[in-house]
C-alpha atoms as a PDB file:
ATOM      1  CA  PRO A   1     -31.033 103.365  28.792  1.00  0.00           C
ATOM      2  CA  THR A   2     -32.408 101.563  31.775  1.00  0.00           C
ATOM      3  CA  PRO A   3     -32.413  97.713  31.768  1.00  0.00           C
ATOM      4  CA  ARG A   4     -35.711  95.940  31.466  1.00  0.00           C
ATOM      5  CA  PRO A   5     -37.041  94.184  34.542  1.00  0.00           C
ATOM      6  CA  PRO A   6     -37.172  90.346  34.272  1.00  0.00           C
ATOM      7  CA  PRO A   7     -40.525  88.906  33.125  1.00  0.00           C
ATOM      8  CA  PRO A   8     -42.833  87.780  35.944  1.00  0.00           C
ATOM      9  CA  PRO A   9     -42.774  84.061  36.698  1.00  0.00           C
ATOM     10  CA  PRO A  10     -45.570  82.134  35.087  1.00  0.00           C
ATOM     11  CA  SER A  11     -48.536  81.375  37.249  1.00  0.00           C
ATOM     12  CA  SER A  12     -49.446  77.809  38.110  1.00  0.00           C
ATOM     13  CA  SER A  13     -52.850  78.212  36.410  1.00  0.00           C
ATOM     14  CA  GLN A  14     -51.233  78.252  32.942  1.00  0.00           C
ATOM     15  CA  PRO A  15     -50.776  74.962  31.061  1.00  0.00           C
ATOM     16  CA  PRO A  16     -47.180  73.711  30.708  1.00  0.00           C
ATOM     17  CA  SER A  17     -47.030  74.485  26.987  1.00  0.00           C
ATOM     18  CA  SER A  18     -47.613  78.215  27.555  1.00  0.00           C
ATOM     19  CA  GLN A  19     -45.056  78.229  30.405  1.00  0.00           C
ATOM     20  CA  ALA A  20     -42.362  77.017  27.993  1.00  0.00           C
ATOM     21  CA  ALA A  21     -43.287  79.797  25.546  1.00  0.00           C
ATOM     22  CA  ALA A  22     -42.718  82.458  28.288  1.00  0.00           C
ATOM     23  CA  VAL A  23     -39.022  81.527  28.623  1.00  0.00           C
ATOM     24  CA  PRO A  24     -36.870  83.999  26.648  1.00  0.00           C
ATOM     25  CA  ARG A  25     -34.878  82.488  23.826  1.00  0.00           C
ATOM     26  CA  ALA A  26     -31.107  82.722  23.617  1.00  0.00           C
ATOM     27  CA  HIS A  27     -29.638  85.433  21.312  1.00  0.00           C
ATOM     28  CA  LYS A  28     -28.719  84.053  17.952  1.00  0.00           C
ATOM     29  CA  PRO A  29     -25.524  85.585  16.413  1.00  0.00           C
ATOM     30  CA  LYS A  30     -25.866  87.124  13.025  1.00  0.00           C
ATOM     31  CA  ILE A  31     -23.992  85.380  10.284  1.00  0.00           C
ATOM     32  CA  HIS A  32     -22.330  87.820   7.934  1.00  0.00           C
ATOM     33  CA  ALA A  33     -22.505  87.131   4.197  1.00  0.00           C
ATOM     34  CA  GLN A  34     -19.282  86.027   2.622  1.00  0.00           C
ATOM     35  CA  ALA A  35     -18.259  85.579  -0.994  1.00  0.00           C
ATOM     36  CA  THR A  36     -19.983  82.482  -2.334  1.00  0.00           C
ATOM     37  CA  SER A  37     -21.045  81.147  -5.600  1.00  0.00           C
ATOM     38  CA  SER A  38     -24.703  81.984  -5.106  1.00  0.00           C
ATOM     39  CA  SER A  39     -26.047  85.195  -6.599  1.00  0.00           C
ATOM     40  CA  SER A  40     -28.565  87.704  -5.338  1.00  0.00           C
ATOM     41  CA  ASP A  41     -30.962  89.960  -7.099  1.00  0.00           C
ATOM     42  CA  SER A  42     -28.582  92.943  -6.887  1.00  0.00           C
ATOM     43  CA  GLY A  43     -25.654  91.002  -8.445  1.00  0.00           C
ATOM     44  CA  GLU A  44     -23.735  91.471  -5.249  1.00  0.00           C
ATOM     45  CA  MET A  45     -22.318  88.350  -3.602  1.00  0.00           C
ATOM     46  CA  SER A  46     -20.595  89.945  -0.674  1.00  0.00           C
ATOM     47  CA  GLY A  47     -20.561  93.260   1.171  1.00  0.00           C
ATOM     48  CA  ASP A  48     -17.186  94.157  -0.285  1.00  0.00           C
ATOM     49  CA  LYS A  49     -17.654  97.512  -2.054  1.00  0.00           C
ATOM     50  CA  ALA A  50     -14.369  97.257  -3.995  1.00  0.00           C
ATOM     51  CA  ALA A  51     -15.474  93.925  -5.449  1.00  0.00           C
ATOM     52  CA  LEU A  52     -18.813  95.412  -6.446  1.00  0.00           C
ATOM     53  CA  ALA A  53     -17.148  98.450  -7.984  1.00  0.00           C
ATOM     54  CA  ALA A  54     -14.820  96.170 -10.012  1.00  0.00           C
ATOM     55  CA  TRP A  55     -17.795  93.998 -11.076  1.00  0.00           C
ATOM     56  CA  SER A  56     -19.723  97.100 -12.196  1.00  0.00           C
ATOM     57  CA  ASP A  57     -16.814  98.567 -14.217  1.00  0.00           C
ATOM     58  CA  SER A  58     -17.285  97.740 -17.906  1.00  0.00           C
ATOM     59  CA  ALA A  59     -13.510  97.823 -18.491  1.00  0.00           C
ATOM     60  CA  ASN A  60     -13.254  94.532 -16.509  1.00  0.00           C
ATOM     61  CA  TRP A  61     -15.648  92.739 -18.868  1.00  0.00           C
ATOM     62  CA  HIS A  62     -14.001  91.693 -22.176  1.00  0.00           C
ATOM     63  CA  TYR A  63     -16.347  91.049 -25.063  1.00  0.00           C
ATOM     64  CA  HIS A  64     -19.170  91.480 -22.521  1.00  0.00           C
ATOM     65  CA  MET A  65     -18.670  87.942 -21.130  1.00  0.00           C
ATOM     66  CA  PHE A  66     -15.098  87.447 -19.898  1.00  0.00           C
ATOM     67  CA  TYR A  67     -14.487  88.948 -16.481  1.00  0.00           C
ATOM     68  CA  TYR A  68     -10.940  89.887 -15.504  1.00  0.00           C
ATOM     69  CA  ALA A  69     -10.449  91.981 -12.310  1.00  0.00           C
ATOM     70  CA  ARG A  70      -7.464  91.533 -10.004  1.00  0.00           C
ATOM     71  CA  SER A  71      -9.039  93.758  -7.341  1.00  0.00           C
ATOM     72  CA  ASP A  72     -11.972  91.369  -6.999  1.00  0.00           C
ATOM     73  CA  PRO A  73     -11.042  88.464  -4.686  1.00  0.00           C
ATOM     74  CA  ARG A  74     -13.948  86.221  -5.875  1.00  0.00           C
ATOM     75  CA  VAL A  75     -13.215  83.471  -8.328  1.00  0.00           C
ATOM     76  CA  TRP A  76     -16.903  82.959  -9.297  1.00  0.00           C
ATOM     77  CA  VAL A  77     -18.872  86.091  -9.959  1.00  0.00           C
ATOM     78  CA  PRO A  78     -22.517  86.598 -11.167  1.00  0.00           C
ATOM     79  CA  LYS A  79     -23.044  87.255 -14.845  1.00  0.00           C
ATOM     80  CA  ARG A  80     -24.154  90.689 -15.961  1.00  0.00           C
ATOM     81  CA  GLN A  81     -26.927  89.357 -18.143  1.00  0.00           C
ATOM     82  CA  ARG A  82     -30.278  89.446 -16.401  1.00  0.00           C
ATOM     83  CA  LEU A  83     -33.538  87.609 -16.925  1.00  0.00           C
ATOM     84  CA  PHE A  84     -36.579  89.121 -15.216  1.00  0.00           C
ATOM     85  CA  GLY A  85     -34.300  91.136 -12.879  1.00  0.00           C
ATOM     86  CA  MET A  86     -32.329  88.074 -11.668  1.00  0.00           C
ATOM     87  CA  SER A  87     -28.756  86.984 -12.506  1.00  0.00           C
ATOM     88  CA  THR A  88     -28.693  84.185 -15.042  1.00  0.00           C
ATOM     89  CA  GLY A  89     -25.747  82.332 -13.580  1.00  0.00           C
ATOM     90  CA  ALA A  90     -22.048  82.743 -12.717  1.00  0.00           C
ATOM     91  CA  THR A  91     -18.833  83.168 -14.580  1.00  0.00           C
ATOM     92  CA  LEU A  92     -15.133  82.903 -13.705  1.00  0.00           C
ATOM     93  CA  ASN A  93     -12.832  85.805 -12.756  1.00  0.00           C
ATOM     94  CA  PHE A  94      -9.961  85.032 -15.073  1.00  0.00           C
ATOM     95  CA  ALA A  95      -7.567  87.231 -13.089  1.00  0.00           C
ATOM     96  CA  HIS A  96      -7.124  84.281 -10.671  1.00  0.00           C
ATOM     97  CA  THR A  97      -5.071  81.152 -11.325  1.00  0.00           C
ATOM     98  CA  GLU A  98      -7.888  78.974  -9.836  1.00  0.00           C
ATOM     99  CA  SER A  99     -10.167  79.885 -12.768  1.00  0.00           C
ATOM    100  CA  TRP A 100      -7.476  78.882 -15.334  1.00  0.00           C
ATOM    101  CA  ALA A 101      -6.906  75.621 -13.427  1.00  0.00           C
ATOM    102  CA  PHE A 102     -10.588  74.886 -13.514  1.00  0.00           C
ATOM    103  CA  MET A 103     -10.847  75.588 -17.239  1.00  0.00           C
ATOM    104  CA  THR A 104      -7.804  73.383 -17.888  1.00  0.00           C
ATOM    105  CA  ALA A 105      -9.363  70.574 -15.859  1.00  0.00           C
ATOM    106  CA  VAL A 106     -12.658  70.892 -17.840  1.00  0.00           C
ATOM    107  CA  ALA A 107     -10.748  70.837 -21.162  1.00  0.00           C
ATOM    108  CA  ALA A 108      -8.766  67.769 -20.011  1.00  0.00           C
ATOM    109  CA  VAL A 109     -11.940  65.866 -19.015  1.00  0.00           C
ATOM    110  CA  CYS A 110     -13.503  66.747 -22.395  1.00  0.00           C
ATOM    111  CA  ALA A 111     -10.399  65.694 -24.307  1.00  0.00           C
ATOM    112  CA  TRP A 112     -10.197  62.435 -22.299  1.00  0.00           C
ATOM    113  CA  GLY A 113     -13.756  61.588 -23.267  1.00  0.00           C
ATOM    114  CA  LEU A 114     -13.116  61.972 -27.010  1.00  0.00           C
END
């Protein structure tokens, strides 16, 4: 491919506001999606195919609500229940110690309040 020639310089008859618009903008780098706690319509939080395969496997969902998958690096995963095609929240991946620590902290705060 041949490179594009530079744009012609703006003429002096144009107002200053249109001259600024003729200046090419700098290239913005793309930010790749990483595992976060937000959910998307497809139930996929990251581009990791192994995590999506583990999330889709029914054997990793105990009693249809407890998620346990060591192959999935995410601690928070979207729920499988859907409302109007969208995920209804997030649940913990109980294969990670961080999820058990979080549940212990929540139970301690609840017990402290009683």
